[in-house]
N, C-alpha and C. Protein backbone atom coordinates (compact mmCIF):
# COMPACT_ATOMS: atom_id res chain seq x y z
N MET A 1 0.85 -1.17 0.00
CA MET A 1 0.00 0.00 0.00
C MET A 1 0.90 1.24 0.00
N ASN A 2 0.45 2.22 -0.73
CA ASN A 2 1.20 3.45 -0.92
C ASN A 2 0.92 4.41 0.24
N ASN A 3 1.99 5.00 0.80
CA ASN A 3 1.82 5.97 1.90
C ASN A 3 0.98 7.17 1.48
N ALA A 4 1.08 7.57 0.22
CA ALA A 4 0.29 8.70 -0.27
C ALA A 4 -1.20 8.38 -0.18
N MET A 5 -1.56 7.13 -0.44
CA MET A 5 -2.97 6.73 -0.34
C MET A 5 -3.47 6.89 1.09
N ILE A 6 -2.66 6.50 2.05
CA ILE A 6 -3.04 6.62 3.46
C ILE A 6 -3.15 8.08 3.84
N ILE A 7 -2.20 8.89 3.43
CA ILE A 7 -2.24 10.31 3.76
C ILE A 7 -3.48 10.95 3.15
N ASN A 8 -3.81 10.62 1.92
CA ASN A 8 -5.02 11.16 1.30
C ASN A 8 -6.27 10.78 2.07
N ARG A 9 -6.30 9.60 2.64
CA ARG A 9 -7.45 9.17 3.43
C ARG A 9 -7.52 9.91 4.76
N GLU A 10 -6.38 10.39 5.25
CA GLU A 10 -6.34 11.11 6.52
C GLU A 10 -6.82 12.55 6.39
N LEU A 11 -6.74 13.12 5.21
CA LEU A 11 -7.03 14.54 5.03
C LEU A 11 -8.41 14.97 5.52
N PRO A 12 -9.49 14.22 5.26
CA PRO A 12 -10.78 14.65 5.79
C PRO A 12 -10.81 14.69 7.32
N GLU A 13 -10.13 13.75 7.95
CA GLU A 13 -10.08 13.73 9.42
C GLU A 13 -9.26 14.91 9.94
N VAL A 14 -8.17 15.23 9.27
CA VAL A 14 -7.35 16.37 9.66
C VAL A 14 -8.16 17.66 9.51
N ALA A 15 -8.94 17.74 8.44
CA ALA A 15 -9.79 18.93 8.23
C ALA A 15 -10.79 19.09 9.38
N LYS A 16 -11.33 17.97 9.87
CA LYS A 16 -12.25 18.03 11.01
C LYS A 16 -11.54 18.53 12.26
N ILE A 17 -10.31 18.08 12.46
CA ILE A 17 -9.53 18.52 13.62
C ILE A 17 -9.28 20.02 13.53
N VAL A 18 -8.93 20.50 12.35
CA VAL A 18 -8.70 21.94 12.14
C VAL A 18 -9.98 22.71 12.45
N GLU A 19 -11.10 22.21 11.96
CA GLU A 19 -12.39 22.87 12.20
C GLU A 19 -12.70 22.96 13.69
N VAL A 20 -12.50 21.87 14.41
CA VAL A 20 -12.79 21.85 15.84
C VAL A 20 -11.86 22.80 16.59
N GLU A 21 -10.58 22.75 16.29
CA GLU A 21 -9.63 23.62 16.99
C GLU A 21 -9.87 25.09 16.67
N THR A 22 -10.28 25.39 15.43
CA THR A 22 -10.61 26.77 15.07
C THR A 22 -11.81 27.25 15.86
N ARG A 23 -12.81 26.39 15.96
CA ARG A 23 -14.02 26.74 16.72
C ARG A 23 -13.69 26.96 18.20
N HIS A 24 -12.86 26.10 18.78
CA HIS A 24 -12.46 26.25 20.18
C HIS A 24 -11.71 27.56 20.41
N GLU A 25 -10.80 27.87 19.49
CA GLU A 25 -10.02 29.10 19.64
C GLU A 25 -10.92 30.33 19.46
N ARG A 26 -11.87 30.24 18.57
CA ARG A 26 -12.83 31.34 18.38
C ARG A 26 -13.59 31.59 19.67
N ARG A 27 -14.00 30.52 20.34
CA ARG A 27 -14.73 30.66 21.61
C ARG A 27 -13.83 31.23 22.70
N ARG A 28 -12.56 30.79 22.74
CA ARG A 28 -11.62 31.30 23.75
C ARG A 28 -11.41 32.80 23.59
N ARG A 29 -11.25 33.23 22.34
CA ARG A 29 -10.96 34.65 22.08
C ARG A 29 -12.21 35.52 22.02
N GLY A 30 -13.32 34.90 21.66
CA GLY A 30 -14.54 35.68 21.50
C GLY A 30 -14.56 36.49 20.22
N SER A 31 -13.78 36.08 19.24
CA SER A 31 -13.76 36.76 17.94
C SER A 31 -13.39 35.76 16.84
N GLU A 32 -13.53 36.20 15.60
CA GLU A 32 -13.21 35.32 14.47
C GLU A 32 -11.74 34.91 14.49
N VAL A 33 -11.50 33.68 14.09
CA VAL A 33 -10.13 33.13 14.04
C VAL A 33 -10.00 32.36 12.73
N SER A 34 -8.90 32.55 12.06
CA SER A 34 -8.62 31.83 10.82
C SER A 34 -8.10 30.43 11.15
N PRO A 35 -8.43 29.46 10.32
CA PRO A 35 -7.84 28.12 10.51
C PRO A 35 -6.32 28.14 10.32
N HIS A 36 -5.81 29.23 9.74
CA HIS A 36 -4.37 29.36 9.51
C HIS A 36 -3.67 30.09 10.66
N ASP A 37 -4.43 30.43 11.68
CA ASP A 37 -3.88 31.10 12.86
C ASP A 37 -2.83 30.19 13.49
N LEU A 38 -1.74 30.79 13.94
CA LEU A 38 -0.63 30.01 14.51
C LEU A 38 -1.07 29.17 15.70
N THR A 39 -1.90 29.71 16.57
CA THR A 39 -2.37 28.95 17.73
C THR A 39 -3.17 27.72 17.29
N VAL A 40 -4.02 27.89 16.31
CA VAL A 40 -4.82 26.77 15.79
C VAL A 40 -3.88 25.73 15.19
N GLN A 41 -2.93 26.16 14.39
CA GLN A 41 -2.00 25.22 13.76
C GLN A 41 -1.20 24.43 14.79
N VAL A 42 -0.76 25.11 15.84
CA VAL A 42 0.01 24.43 16.89
C VAL A 42 -0.87 23.40 17.59
N ARG A 43 -2.09 23.75 17.92
CA ARG A 43 -2.99 22.81 18.60
C ARG A 43 -3.31 21.61 17.71
N VAL A 44 -3.50 21.83 16.42
CA VAL A 44 -3.76 20.74 15.49
C VAL A 44 -2.54 19.82 15.45
N ALA A 45 -1.36 20.39 15.32
CA ALA A 45 -0.14 19.59 15.29
C ALA A 45 0.03 18.79 16.57
N GLN A 46 -0.26 19.41 17.71
CA GLN A 46 -0.14 18.69 18.98
C GLN A 46 -1.10 17.50 19.03
N ARG A 47 -2.33 17.70 18.61
CA ARG A 47 -3.31 16.61 18.62
C ARG A 47 -2.86 15.46 17.73
N ILE A 48 -2.36 15.80 16.56
CA ILE A 48 -1.94 14.76 15.62
C ILE A 48 -0.69 14.05 16.13
N LEU A 49 0.26 14.80 16.66
CA LEU A 49 1.51 14.20 17.12
C LEU A 49 1.36 13.47 18.45
N ASP A 50 0.33 13.80 19.21
CA ASP A 50 0.13 13.16 20.51
C ASP A 50 -0.55 11.80 20.42
N GLY A 51 -0.56 11.19 19.26
CA GLY A 51 -1.10 9.84 19.15
C GLY A 51 -2.31 9.75 18.26
N LEU A 52 -3.05 10.83 18.12
CA LEU A 52 -4.22 10.79 17.26
C LEU A 52 -3.79 10.47 15.83
N GLY A 53 -2.67 11.02 15.40
CA GLY A 53 -2.17 10.77 14.05
C GLY A 53 -1.87 9.31 13.83
N ARG A 54 -1.27 8.68 14.82
CA ARG A 54 -0.97 7.25 14.70
C ARG A 54 -2.25 6.44 14.58
N ASP A 55 -3.21 6.75 15.44
CA ASP A 55 -4.49 6.03 15.38
C ASP A 55 -5.19 6.26 14.06
N LEU A 56 -5.19 7.50 13.61
CA LEU A 56 -5.82 7.84 12.34
C LEU A 56 -5.14 7.10 11.19
N ARG A 57 -3.81 7.08 11.19
CA ARG A 57 -3.06 6.41 10.13
C ARG A 57 -3.36 4.91 10.13
N GLU A 58 -3.42 4.30 11.30
CA GLU A 58 -3.71 2.87 11.38
C GLU A 58 -5.12 2.57 10.89
N ARG A 59 -6.08 3.40 11.28
CA ARG A 59 -7.46 3.20 10.85
C ARG A 59 -7.59 3.33 9.33
N CYS A 60 -6.94 4.35 8.77
CA CYS A 60 -7.00 4.54 7.33
C CYS A 60 -6.28 3.42 6.58
N ALA A 61 -5.20 2.93 7.15
CA ALA A 61 -4.47 1.82 6.54
C ALA A 61 -5.33 0.57 6.52
N ARG A 62 -6.04 0.30 7.63
CA ARG A 62 -6.94 -0.87 7.67
C ARG A 62 -8.05 -0.73 6.64
N GLN A 63 -8.61 0.46 6.53
CA GLN A 63 -9.68 0.70 5.57
C GLN A 63 -9.17 0.49 4.14
N ALA A 64 -7.99 1.02 3.85
CA ALA A 64 -7.42 0.87 2.52
C ALA A 64 -7.15 -0.60 2.21
N GLU A 65 -6.68 -1.35 3.20
CA GLU A 65 -6.41 -2.78 3.00
C GLU A 65 -7.71 -3.54 2.73
N ARG A 66 -8.77 -3.23 3.47
CA ARG A 66 -10.07 -3.89 3.23
C ARG A 66 -10.57 -3.60 1.82
N MET A 67 -10.38 -2.36 1.39
CA MET A 67 -10.83 -1.99 0.04
C MET A 67 -9.99 -2.72 -1.02
N ALA A 68 -8.70 -2.86 -0.78
CA ALA A 68 -7.84 -3.56 -1.73
C ALA A 68 -8.23 -5.03 -1.83
N VAL A 69 -8.54 -5.65 -0.69
CA VAL A 69 -8.98 -7.05 -0.68
C VAL A 69 -10.28 -7.18 -1.46
N ARG A 70 -11.21 -6.27 -1.20
CA ARG A 70 -12.50 -6.30 -1.90
C ARG A 70 -12.29 -6.15 -3.40
N ASP A 71 -11.42 -5.23 -3.80
CA ASP A 71 -11.16 -5.00 -5.22
C ASP A 71 -10.53 -6.22 -5.87
N ARG A 72 -9.62 -6.89 -5.15
CA ARG A 72 -8.98 -8.09 -5.70
C ARG A 72 -10.01 -9.18 -5.94
N LYS A 73 -11.01 -9.28 -5.07
CA LYS A 73 -12.06 -10.28 -5.22
C LYS A 73 -12.90 -10.03 -6.46
N HIS A 74 -13.06 -8.76 -6.82
CA HIS A 74 -13.90 -8.41 -7.97
C HIS A 74 -13.18 -8.55 -9.30
N ILE A 75 -11.86 -8.61 -9.25
CA ILE A 75 -11.08 -8.74 -10.49
C ILE A 75 -10.99 -10.23 -10.82
N ARG A 76 -11.44 -10.57 -11.96
CA ARG A 76 -11.39 -11.98 -12.39
C ARG A 76 -10.31 -12.11 -13.46
N GLU A 77 -9.50 -13.14 -13.31
CA GLU A 77 -8.45 -13.36 -14.29
C GLU A 77 -9.06 -14.01 -15.52
N PRO A 78 -8.57 -13.62 -16.71
CA PRO A 78 -9.11 -14.19 -17.94
C PRO A 78 -8.80 -15.69 -18.04
N ALA A 79 -9.72 -16.41 -18.65
CA ALA A 79 -9.53 -17.86 -18.83
C ALA A 79 -8.42 -18.12 -19.83
N SER A 80 -7.63 -19.18 -19.60
CA SER A 80 -6.51 -19.50 -20.50
C SER A 80 -6.96 -20.35 -21.64
């Protein structure tokens, strides 16, 4: 399995983390906050590096493997 495939599967989850951290920071400050704000980026990085990233990567890898197995079952080799 290609690492790029796993990373692509992680992107929607990372986007959710960014959204949550942006919302939390907006509440803390009481004003609008960009998802590109340094505080938001640091919190997102901390969440991902603190183990969430590993769990996310493992979950996406399992999902990709299940899909690959399913796809292999659907491919029929031509008769000789």
